[in-house]
Amino acid sequence: MQNVAKLVTAGLVSATLALSFVPADASTRIYSISELDVVHQAAPEYPRAAARSGFDGWVDLEFTVTPTGDVSDVEVLDSSSRVFHREALVAIQNWRFNPVVENGSPAPVRAQLRFTFQY
């Protein structure tokens, strides 16, 4: 049991972020994380099932940054395994951003992010 706890902790520390640049369509701009001002971020926990099986993975997410800087409308675009979905979704819901200002007012924007799970 201690070995699983160590793997979960190691997975949390090793969770990395990468960016995906695939617009949903030509009229919808997808913001990159580098264009957004992240106020708070949370790394996903390493899923116990993945730790027990000893495998790495990733999840690509698309989400809305609201005019208040919260995250909403999160979608899983792709992943290496469903075992990583829950932890990625929980983590991104805890992220906060400074609002994006377009035409002088805070506006909702779409963004994409990849959580990579490694231990």
C-alpha atoms as a PDB file:
ATOM      1  CA  MET A   1       0.000   0.000   0.000  1.00  0.00           C
ATOM      2  CA  GLN A   2       2.869   2.388   0.747  1.00  0.00           C
ATOM      3  CA  ASN A   3       4.285   1.762  -2.740  1.00  0.00           C
ATOM      4  CA  VAL A   4       0.989   2.847  -4.323  1.00  0.00           C
ATOM      5  CA  ALA A   5       0.966   6.020  -2.207  1.00  0.00           C
ATOM      6  CA  LYS A   6       4.526   6.779  -3.311  1.00  0.00           C
ATOM      7  CA  LEU A   7       3.581   6.271  -6.966  1.00  0.00           C
ATOM      8  CA  VAL A   8       0.529   8.515  -6.596  1.00  0.00           C
ATOM      9  CA  THR A   9       2.684  11.228  -5.022  1.00  0.00           C
ATOM     10  CA  ALA A  10       5.371  10.817  -7.680  1.00  0.00           C
ATOM     11  CA  GLY A  11       2.717  11.014 -10.394  1.00  0.00           C
ATOM     12  CA  LEU A  12       1.374  14.244  -8.944  1.00  0.00           C
ATOM     13  CA  VAL A  13       4.818  15.820  -8.935  1.00  0.00           C
ATOM     14  CA  SER A  14       5.546  14.590 -12.464  1.00  0.00           C
ATOM     15  CA  ALA A  15       2.295  15.744 -14.063  1.00  0.00           C
ATOM     16  CA  THR A  16       3.278  18.069 -16.878  1.00  0.00           C
ATOM     17  CA  LEU A  17       1.421  20.435 -19.137  1.00  0.00           C
ATOM     18  CA  ALA A  18       1.648  20.796 -22.848  1.00  0.00           C
ATOM     19  CA  LEU A  19      -0.357  22.840 -25.276  1.00  0.00           C
ATOM     20  CA  SER A  20      -2.524  21.839 -28.183  1.00  0.00           C
ATOM     21  CA  PHE A  21      -3.327  24.296 -31.005  1.00  0.00           C
ATOM     22  CA  VAL A  22      -6.299  22.808 -32.848  1.00  0.00           C
ATOM     23  CA  PRO A  23      -9.160  25.277 -33.468  1.00  0.00           C
ATOM     24  CA  ALA A  24     -12.667  23.822 -33.376  1.00  0.00           C
ATOM     25  CA  ASP A  25     -13.458  25.667 -36.607  1.00  0.00           C
ATOM     26  CA  ALA A  26     -12.126  28.618 -38.570  1.00  0.00           C
ATOM     27  CA  SER A  27     -14.342  31.181 -36.768  1.00  0.00           C
ATOM     28  CA  THR A  28     -13.502  30.056 -33.215  1.00  0.00           C
ATOM     29  CA  ARG A  29     -10.142  31.042 -31.831  1.00  0.00           C
ATOM     30  CA  ILE A  30      -8.564  28.643 -29.364  1.00  0.00           C
ATOM     31  CA  TYR A  31      -6.260  30.430 -26.917  1.00  0.00           C
ATOM     32  CA  SER A  32      -2.962  28.944 -25.894  1.00  0.00           C
ATOM     33  CA  ILE A  33      -2.058  28.744 -22.228  1.00  0.00           C
ATOM     34  CA  SER A  34       0.837  31.123 -22.934  1.00  0.00           C
ATOM     35  CA  GLU A  35      -1.709  33.755 -24.024  1.00  0.00           C
ATOM     36  CA  LEU A  36      -3.683  33.415 -20.803  1.00  0.00           C
ATOM     37  CA  ASP A  37      -2.762  34.761 -17.391  1.00  0.00           C
ATOM     38  CA  VAL A  38      -2.975  31.789 -15.019  1.00  0.00           C
ATOM     39  CA  VAL A  39      -3.739  32.896 -11.453  1.00  0.00           C
ATOM     40  CA  HIS A  40      -3.977  29.414  -9.915  1.00  0.00           C
ATOM     41  CA  GLN A  41      -3.239  25.971 -11.310  1.00  0.00           C
ATOM     42  CA  ALA A  42      -3.615  22.511  -9.861  1.00  0.00           C
ATOM     43  CA  ALA A  43      -1.774  19.404 -11.014  1.00  0.00           C
ATOM     44  CA  PRO A  44      -3.897  16.292 -11.397  1.00  0.00           C
ATOM     45  CA  GLU A  45      -3.378  13.408  -9.012  1.00  0.00           C
ATOM     46  CA  TYR A  46      -1.961  10.247 -10.529  1.00  0.00           C
ATOM     47  CA  PRO A  47      -4.820   7.718 -10.811  1.00  0.00           C
ATOM     48  CA  ARG A  48      -4.380   4.709  -8.533  1.00  0.00           C
ATOM     49  CA  ALA A  49      -5.368   2.306 -11.301  1.00  0.00           C
ATOM     50  CA  ALA A  50      -2.595   3.672 -13.513  1.00  0.00           C
ATOM     51  CA  ALA A  51      -0.107   3.527 -10.649  1.00  0.00           C
ATOM     52  CA  ARG A  52      -0.993  -0.100  -9.898  1.00  0.00           C
ATOM     53  CA  SER A  53      -0.612  -1.002 -13.568  1.00  0.00           C
ATOM     54  CA  GLY A  54       2.522   1.118 -13.950  1.00  0.00           C
ATOM     55  CA  PHE A  55       1.637   3.088 -17.051  1.00  0.00           C
ATOM     56  CA  ASP A  56       1.871   6.723 -18.161  1.00  0.00           C
ATOM     57  CA  GLY A  57      -0.644   8.672 -20.193  1.00  0.00           C
ATOM     58  CA  TRP A  58      -2.126  11.993 -21.232  1.00  0.00           C
ATOM     59  CA  VAL A  59      -5.440  13.820 -21.618  1.00  0.00           C
ATOM     60  CA  ASP A  60      -6.206  16.664 -24.055  1.00  0.00           C
ATOM     61  CA  LEU A  61      -8.844  19.061 -22.726  1.00  0.00           C
ATOM     62  CA  GLU A  62     -10.709  21.996 -24.209  1.00  0.00           C
ATOM     63  CA  PHE A  63     -12.480  24.433 -21.906  1.00  0.00           C
ATOM     64  CA  THR A  64     -13.913  27.927 -21.560  1.00  0.00           C
ATOM     65  CA  VAL A  65     -12.292  30.616 -19.459  1.00  0.00           C
ATOM     66  CA  THR A  66     -15.273  32.685 -18.309  1.00  0.00           C
ATOM     67  CA  PRO A  67     -15.349  36.500 -18.022  1.00  0.00           C
ATOM     68  CA  THR A  68     -14.703  36.024 -14.276  1.00  0.00           C
ATOM     69  CA  GLY A  69     -11.657  33.789 -14.902  1.00  0.00           C
ATOM     70  CA  ASP A  70     -13.273  30.511 -13.885  1.00  0.00           C
ATOM     71  CA  VAL A  71     -13.180  27.331 -15.977  1.00  0.00           C
ATOM     72  CA  SER A  72     -16.377  25.909 -17.495  1.00  0.00           C
ATOM     73  CA  ASP A  73     -17.597  23.686 -20.319  1.00  0.00           C
ATOM     74  CA  VAL A  74     -14.665  21.275 -20.091  1.00  0.00           C
ATOM     75  CA  GLU A  75     -14.445  18.559 -22.747  1.00  0.00           C
ATOM     76  CA  VAL A  76     -12.035  15.669 -23.136  1.00  0.00           C
ATOM     77  CA  LEU A  77     -10.808  15.874 -26.730  1.00  0.00           C
ATOM     78  CA  ASP A  78      -8.550  12.822 -26.677  1.00  0.00           C
ATOM     79  CA  SER A  79      -6.527  10.691 -24.288  1.00  0.00           C
ATOM     80  CA  SER A  80      -4.262   7.701 -24.049  1.00  0.00           C
ATOM     81  CA  SER A  81      -6.683   6.026 -21.614  1.00  0.00           C
ATOM     82  CA  ARG A  82      -9.976   6.812 -19.871  1.00  0.00           C
ATOM     83  CA  VAL A  83      -8.292   6.030 -16.536  1.00  0.00           C
ATOM     84  CA  PHE A  84      -6.784   9.561 -16.629  1.00  0.00           C
ATOM     85  CA  HIS A  85     -10.000  11.462 -17.455  1.00  0.00           C
ATOM     86  CA  ARG A  86     -11.412  12.021 -13.977  1.00  0.00           C
ATOM     87  CA  GLU A  87      -8.223  13.395 -12.456  1.00  0.00           C
ATOM     88  CA  ALA A  88      -7.622  15.713 -15.427  1.00  0.00           C
ATOM     89  CA  LEU A  89     -11.194  17.048 -15.222  1.00  0.00           C
ATOM     90  CA  VAL A  90     -10.970  17.588 -11.465  1.00  0.00           C
ATOM     91  CA  ALA A  91      -7.645  19.421 -11.804  1.00  0.00           C
ATOM     92  CA  ILE A  92      -8.708  21.821 -14.583  1.00  0.00           C
ATOM     93  CA  GLN A  93     -11.852  22.791 -12.663  1.00  0.00           C
ATOM     94  CA  ASN A  94      -9.536  24.181  -9.963  1.00  0.00           C
ATOM     95  CA  TRP A  95      -7.622  26.454 -12.340  1.00  0.00           C
ATOM     96  CA  ARG A  96      -8.255  30.220 -12.306  1.00  0.00           C
ATOM     97  CA  PHE A  97      -7.274  32.886 -14.827  1.00  0.00           C
ATOM     98  CA  ASN A  98      -7.322  36.644 -15.076  1.00  0.00           C
ATOM     99  CA  PRO A  99     -10.183  37.434 -17.459  1.00  0.00           C
ATOM    100  CA  VAL A 100      -9.391  37.916 -21.141  1.00  0.00           C
ATOM    101  CA  VAL A 101     -10.344  41.404 -22.322  1.00  0.00           C
ATOM    102  CA  GLU A 102     -11.617  41.692 -25.877  1.00  0.00           C
ATOM    103  CA  ASN A 103     -12.923  44.991 -27.244  1.00  0.00           C
ATOM    104  CA  GLY A 104     -12.561  46.558 -23.785  1.00  0.00           C
ATOM    105  CA  SER A 105     -14.641  43.998 -21.862  1.00  0.00           C
ATOM    106  CA  PRO A 106     -13.970  40.637 -20.196  1.00  0.00           C
ATOM    107  CA  ALA A 107     -15.002  37.879 -22.608  1.00  0.00           C
ATOM    108  CA  PRO A 108     -15.300  34.090 -22.507  1.00  0.00           C
ATOM    109  CA  VAL A 109     -12.601  32.292 -24.523  1.00  0.00           C
ATOM    110  CA  ARG A 110     -11.839  28.691 -25.404  1.00  0.00           C
ATOM    111  CA  ALA A 111      -8.472  27.125 -24.607  1.00  0.00           C
ATOM    112  CA  GLN A 112      -6.826  23.721 -24.889  1.00  0.00           C
ATOM    113  CA  LEU A 113      -4.431  21.973 -22.571  1.00  0.00           C
ATOM    114  CA  ARG A 114      -2.729  18.595 -22.321  1.00  0.00           C
ATOM    115  CA  PHE A 115      -2.109  16.993 -18.944  1.00  0.00           C
ATOM    116  CA  THR A 116       0.672  14.395 -19.169  1.00  0.00           C
ATOM    117  CA  PHE A 117       0.848  11.772 -16.447  1.00  0.00           C
ATOM    118  CA  GLN A 118       4.274  10.266 -15.776  1.00  0.00           C
ATOM    119  CA  TYR A 119       5.950   8.593 -12.829  1.00  0.00           C
END
